[in-house]
N, C-alpha and C. Protein backbone atom coordinates (compact mmCIF):
# COMPACT_ATOMS: atom_id res chain seq x y z
N MET A 1 22.63 9.67 4.65
CA MET A 1 22.55 8.59 4.16
C MET A 1 22.31 8.62 2.51
N ILE A 2 22.87 7.85 1.84
CA ILE A 2 22.43 7.77 0.24
C ILE A 2 21.55 7.05 0.05
N GLN A 3 20.32 7.51 -0.79
CA GLN A 3 19.27 6.64 -1.01
C GLN A 3 19.50 6.01 -2.40
N ARG A 4 19.40 4.57 -2.56
CA ARG A 4 19.69 3.96 -3.85
C ARG A 4 18.38 4.23 -4.73
N GLU A 5 18.79 3.97 -6.00
CA GLU A 5 17.62 4.30 -6.87
C GLU A 5 17.09 2.94 -7.21
N VAL A 6 15.83 2.81 -7.02
CA VAL A 6 15.22 1.55 -7.17
C VAL A 6 14.19 1.58 -8.32
N GLN A 7 14.41 0.49 -9.23
CA GLN A 7 13.65 0.42 -10.34
C GLN A 7 12.47 -0.43 -9.93
N PHE A 8 11.22 -0.08 -10.31
CA PHE A 8 10.00 -0.88 -9.74
C PHE A 8 10.02 -1.94 -10.67
N GLY A 9 9.47 -2.90 -10.05
CA GLY A 9 9.20 -4.06 -10.78
C GLY A 9 7.75 -4.69 -10.69
N TYR A 10 7.15 -4.74 -9.62
CA TYR A 10 5.67 -5.21 -9.68
C TYR A 10 5.26 -5.28 -8.06
N PHE A 11 3.74 -5.15 -8.12
CA PHE A 11 3.05 -5.28 -6.98
C PHE A 11 2.86 -6.87 -6.77
N GLY A 12 2.75 -7.63 -5.66
CA GLY A 12 2.26 -8.85 -5.56
C GLY A 12 1.83 -9.30 -4.21
N GLU A 13 1.22 -10.38 -4.00
CA GLU A 13 0.92 -10.93 -2.85
C GLU A 13 1.61 -12.03 -2.42
N ASP A 14 1.84 -12.51 -1.11
CA ASP A 14 2.49 -13.42 -0.73
C ASP A 14 1.34 -14.24 0.35
N LYS A 15 0.59 -15.19 -0.06
CA LYS A 15 -0.43 -15.70 0.61
C LYS A 15 0.02 -16.68 1.71
N ILE A 16 1.14 -17.13 1.74
CA ILE A 16 1.69 -18.09 2.57
C ILE A 16 2.30 -17.29 3.79
N SER A 17 3.01 -16.13 3.62
CA SER A 17 3.74 -15.44 4.59
C SER A 17 2.73 -14.50 5.31
N ASP A 18 1.67 -14.15 4.40
CA ASP A 18 0.56 -13.45 4.77
C ASP A 18 -0.88 -14.10 5.59
N LEU A 19 -0.64 -15.29 5.33
CA LEU A 19 -1.75 -16.26 6.17
C LEU A 19 -2.28 -15.63 7.54
N PHE A 20 -1.13 -15.53 8.34
CA PHE A 20 -1.60 -15.10 9.78
C PHE A 20 -1.62 -13.63 10.34
N THR A 21 -1.66 -12.65 9.04
CA THR A 21 -2.00 -11.25 9.24
C THR A 21 -3.37 -10.80 9.36
N MET A 22 -3.65 -9.97 9.97
CA MET A 22 -5.19 -9.46 10.19
C MET A 22 -5.62 -8.58 8.88
N ASP A 23 -4.61 -8.15 7.91
CA ASP A 23 -4.86 -7.75 6.74
C ASP A 23 -5.86 -8.48 5.95
N LYS A 24 -6.94 -7.86 5.25
CA LYS A 24 -7.75 -8.49 4.27
C LYS A 24 -7.15 -8.46 3.02
N TYR A 25 -6.02 -7.50 2.57
CA TYR A 25 -5.51 -7.51 1.40
C TYR A 25 -4.09 -6.78 2.05
N ARG A 26 -2.97 -7.44 1.70
CA ARG A 26 -1.66 -7.04 1.86
C ARG A 26 -0.90 -7.28 0.67
N PHE A 27 -0.37 -6.13 0.08
CA PHE A 27 0.45 -6.09 -1.02
C PHE A 27 1.94 -5.83 -0.82
N HIS A 28 2.72 -6.48 -1.51
CA HIS A 28 4.01 -6.25 -1.48
C HIS A 28 4.66 -5.51 -2.76
N ILE A 29 5.55 -4.77 -2.32
CA ILE A 29 6.12 -3.99 -3.66
C ILE A 29 7.60 -4.35 -4.10
N TYR A 30 7.96 -4.77 -5.14
CA TYR A 30 9.02 -5.52 -5.43
C TYR A 30 9.96 -4.55 -6.70
N ASP A 31 11.12 -4.67 -6.60
CA ASP A 31 11.98 -3.84 -7.57
C ASP A 31 11.96 -4.91 -8.72
N LYS A 32 12.56 -4.60 -9.82
CA LYS A 32 12.74 -5.33 -10.95
C LYS A 32 13.84 -6.65 -10.76
N ASN A 33 14.41 -6.68 -9.63
CA ASN A 33 15.05 -8.03 -9.38
C ASN A 33 14.48 -8.82 -8.26
N LYS A 34 13.08 -8.60 -8.28
CA LYS A 34 12.28 -9.35 -7.32
C LYS A 34 12.57 -9.36 -6.05
N LYS A 35 13.09 -8.14 -5.42
CA LYS A 35 13.56 -8.04 -3.97
C LYS A 35 12.25 -7.12 -3.48
N GLU A 36 11.82 -7.65 -2.38
CA GLU A 36 10.71 -6.68 -1.66
C GLU A 36 11.34 -5.33 -1.07
N TYR A 37 10.81 -4.08 -1.39
CA TYR A 37 11.39 -3.09 -0.63
C TYR A 37 9.95 -2.18 0.11
N ALA A 38 8.80 -2.74 0.15
CA ALA A 38 7.74 -2.08 0.89
C ALA A 38 6.70 -3.25 0.75
N HIS A 39 5.73 -2.65 1.55
CA HIS A 39 4.35 -3.67 1.92
C HIS A 39 3.25 -2.63 2.38
N THR A 40 2.31 -3.08 2.16
CA THR A 40 0.97 -2.48 2.62
C THR A 40 0.29 -3.06 4.15
N ASP A 41 -0.13 -2.33 5.04
CA ASP A 41 -0.65 -2.71 6.16
C ASP A 41 -2.16 -2.09 6.09
N GLN A 42 -3.15 -2.90 6.25
CA GLN A 42 -4.45 -2.27 6.43
C GLN A 42 -4.98 -2.19 7.78
N LYS A 43 -5.68 -1.02 8.07
CA LYS A 43 -6.10 -0.73 9.46
C LYS A 43 -7.66 -1.21 9.46
N ILE A 44 -7.68 -2.52 10.04
CA ILE A 44 -8.88 -3.45 10.10
C ILE A 44 -9.94 -2.83 11.00
N LEU A 45 -9.70 -2.33 12.09
CA LEU A 45 -10.70 -1.67 12.91
C LEU A 45 -11.09 -0.17 12.64
N SER A 46 -10.65 0.31 11.61
CA SER A 46 -11.11 1.77 11.17
C SER A 46 -12.55 1.61 10.74
N TRP A 47 -13.22 2.79 10.81
CA TRP A 47 -14.65 2.80 10.27
C TRP A 47 -14.53 2.81 8.77
N LEU A 48 -13.56 3.82 8.15
CA LEU A 48 -13.33 3.78 6.94
C LEU A 48 -12.10 3.11 6.32
N TYR A 49 -12.13 2.79 5.23
CA TYR A 49 -10.70 2.18 4.63
C TYR A 49 -9.48 2.99 5.14
N GLN A 50 -8.60 2.51 5.74
CA GLN A 50 -7.16 3.21 6.10
C GLN A 50 -6.11 1.78 5.73
N ASN A 51 -4.93 2.43 4.97
CA ASN A 51 -3.82 1.48 4.75
C ASN A 51 -2.62 2.34 4.75
N GLU A 52 -1.65 1.68 5.11
CA GLU A 52 -0.38 2.45 5.23
C GLU A 52 0.49 1.59 4.38
N ILE A 53 1.58 2.37 3.71
CA ILE A 53 2.66 1.58 2.94
C ILE A 53 3.87 1.97 3.82
N LYS A 54 4.52 0.75 4.03
CA LYS A 54 5.58 0.73 5.14
C LYS A 54 6.81 0.15 4.27
N ASP A 55 8.16 0.63 4.51
CA ASP A 55 9.27 0.12 4.08
C ASP A 55 9.79 -1.06 4.56
N ASN A 56 10.80 -1.62 4.55
CA ASN A 56 11.33 -2.97 5.00
C ASN A 56 11.57 -3.01 6.36
N SER A 57 11.94 -1.63 7.12
CA SER A 57 12.23 -1.22 8.41
C SER A 57 11.05 -0.97 9.02
N ASN A 58 9.68 -1.29 8.36
CA ASN A 58 8.47 -1.16 8.94
C ASN A 58 8.11 0.42 9.50
N ASN A 59 8.84 1.30 8.59
CA ASN A 59 8.66 2.69 8.88
C ASN A 59 7.30 2.97 7.89
N ILE A 60 6.37 3.81 8.41
CA ILE A 60 5.51 4.33 7.55
C ILE A 60 5.84 5.38 6.66
N VAL A 61 5.56 4.95 5.28
CA VAL A 61 6.04 5.79 4.21
C VAL A 61 4.94 6.88 3.62
N TYR A 62 3.73 5.92 3.51
CA TYR A 62 2.41 6.74 2.87
C TYR A 62 1.32 6.10 3.89
N LYS A 63 0.43 7.11 4.10
CA LYS A 63 -0.83 6.70 4.71
C LYS A 63 -2.00 6.88 3.81
N ILE A 64 -2.93 5.88 3.68
CA ILE A 64 -3.99 6.23 2.51
C ILE A 64 -5.25 6.11 3.31
N ASP A 65 -6.02 7.08 3.14
CA ASP A 65 -7.35 7.04 3.85
C ASP A 65 -8.54 7.41 2.86
N LYS A 66 -9.47 6.62 3.03
CA LYS A 66 -10.73 6.65 2.18
C LYS A 66 -11.65 7.74 2.90
N ASP A 67 -12.10 8.73 2.05
CA ASP A 67 -12.83 9.65 2.62
C ASP A 67 -14.34 9.46 2.40
N PHE A 68 -15.11 10.12 3.33
CA PHE A 68 -16.36 9.79 3.33
C PHE A 68 -17.12 10.76 2.32
N THR A 69 -17.68 9.91 1.28
CA THR A 69 -18.46 10.67 0.23
C THR A 69 -19.74 9.92 -0.02
N LEU A 70 -20.76 10.37 -0.45
CA LEU A 70 -22.01 9.61 -0.76
C LEU A 70 -21.90 9.41 -2.19
N VAL A 71 -21.23 9.92 -3.13
CA VAL A 71 -21.29 9.61 -4.62
C VAL A 71 -20.36 8.85 -5.30
N THR A 72 -18.91 9.17 -5.01
CA THR A 72 -17.87 8.71 -5.53
C THR A 72 -16.80 8.17 -4.40
N ASP A 73 -15.78 7.41 -4.66
CA ASP A 73 -14.64 6.94 -4.02
C ASP A 73 -13.54 8.12 -3.87
N GLU A 74 -13.26 8.54 -2.98
CA GLU A 74 -12.27 9.56 -2.98
C GLU A 74 -11.03 9.14 -1.73
N TYR A 75 -10.06 9.30 -1.93
CA TYR A 75 -8.89 8.97 -0.83
C TYR A 75 -7.93 10.29 -0.68
N THR A 76 -7.28 10.23 0.43
CA THR A 76 -6.44 11.29 0.76
C THR A 76 -5.13 10.37 0.83
N ILE A 77 -3.97 10.45 0.13
CA ILE A 77 -2.82 9.93 0.30
C ILE A 77 -1.80 11.06 1.01
N THR A 78 -1.08 10.72 2.04
CA THR A 78 -0.09 11.42 2.72
C THR A 78 1.15 10.76 2.76
N LYS A 79 2.05 11.72 2.21
CA LYS A 79 3.37 11.10 2.35
C LYS A 79 3.90 11.42 3.69
N ILE A 80 4.54 10.38 4.37
CA ILE A 80 5.02 10.45 5.78
C ILE A 80 6.53 10.76 5.88
N SER A 81 7.26 9.95 4.96
CA SER A 81 8.57 10.14 4.95
C SER A 81 9.01 9.92 3.63
N ASN A 82 10.39 9.82 3.22
CA ASN A 82 10.90 9.75 1.98
C ASN A 82 11.45 8.20 1.92
N SER A 83 11.18 7.77 0.71
CA SER A 83 11.55 6.19 0.60
C SER A 83 11.59 6.10 -0.80
N ASP A 84 12.05 4.76 -1.44
CA ASP A 84 12.00 4.33 -2.63
C ASP A 84 10.61 4.10 -3.35
N VAL A 85 9.63 4.35 -2.50
CA VAL A 85 8.10 4.15 -2.97
C VAL A 85 7.68 5.74 -3.70
N THR A 86 7.69 5.71 -4.76
CA THR A 86 7.19 7.06 -5.14
C THR A 86 5.53 7.30 -5.33
N MET A 87 5.37 8.52 -5.34
CA MET A 87 3.72 8.84 -5.24
C MET A 87 2.90 8.21 -6.17
N ASP A 88 3.55 7.96 -7.38
CA ASP A 88 2.81 7.50 -8.42
C ASP A 88 2.33 5.84 -8.08
N LYS A 89 3.24 5.27 -7.54
CA LYS A 89 3.12 3.96 -6.95
C LYS A 89 2.18 3.85 -6.02
N ALA A 90 2.25 4.59 -5.05
CA ALA A 90 1.04 4.97 -3.99
C ALA A 90 -0.32 5.12 -4.51
N ILE A 91 -0.40 5.82 -5.65
CA ILE A 91 -1.66 6.23 -6.25
C ILE A 91 -2.24 4.94 -6.95
N PHE A 92 -1.36 4.34 -7.70
CA PHE A 92 -1.58 3.21 -8.38
C PHE A 92 -2.16 1.82 -7.65
N LEU A 93 -1.35 1.72 -6.50
CA LEU A 93 -1.75 0.72 -5.50
C LEU A 93 -3.11 1.14 -4.93
N THR A 94 -3.67 2.27 -4.62
CA THR A 94 -4.86 2.72 -4.10
C THR A 94 -5.86 2.39 -5.19
N CYS A 95 -5.60 2.67 -6.31
CA CYS A 95 -6.55 2.31 -7.45
C CYS A 95 -6.89 0.86 -7.61
N ILE A 96 -5.88 0.03 -7.37
CA ILE A 96 -5.95 -1.38 -7.20
C ILE A 96 -6.80 -1.96 -6.14
N ILE A 97 -6.44 -1.37 -4.74
CA ILE A 97 -7.25 -1.70 -3.73
C ILE A 97 -8.62 -1.42 -3.80
N ASP A 98 -8.76 -0.13 -4.44
CA ASP A 98 -10.32 0.37 -4.57
C ASP A 98 -10.96 -0.61 -5.51
N ALA A 99 -10.48 -0.86 -6.75
CA ALA A 99 -11.05 -1.88 -7.55
C ALA A 99 -11.46 -3.32 -6.85
N ILE A 100 -10.48 -3.87 -6.14
CA ILE A 100 -10.71 -5.21 -5.30
C ILE A 100 -11.97 -4.92 -4.48
N ILE A 101 -11.90 -3.59 -3.69
CA ILE A 101 -12.93 -3.36 -2.84
C ILE A 101 -14.51 -3.29 -3.44
N ASP A 102 -14.45 -2.43 -4.43
CA ASP A 102 -15.64 -2.17 -5.34
C ASP A 102 -16.04 -3.75 -5.79
N GLU A 103 -15.17 -4.53 -6.38
CA GLU A 103 -15.92 -5.86 -6.90
C GLU A 103 -16.19 -6.83 -5.82
N ASN A 104 -15.55 -6.82 -4.44
CA ASN A 104 -16.17 -7.85 -3.51
C ASN A 104 -16.79 -7.32 -2.41
N GLY A 105 -16.89 -5.98 -2.31
CA GLY A 105 -18.05 -5.44 -1.72
C GLY A 105 -17.45 -5.15 -0.21
């Protein structure tokens, strides 16, 4: 399978389609042509923050786990499979979600 080159567009939310999901925060990842190619799924029942980045076929691409620390916020990002989502986008998305969590508690 030949993987296409995706030019990143933006992270976004879709409040209407995500209205009935259990996720507190669900982000969608779009290319420069506004076509979604990945999204996040938050694991609500976990003790610490857990999130997965999934491709459009619902395959897990990255797992993002918040590590238990007393002083700072630390995360472990694990690449599960190859996809159009690059590690720098996973890191950037983790920073955005961490800032939202810190702001809203």
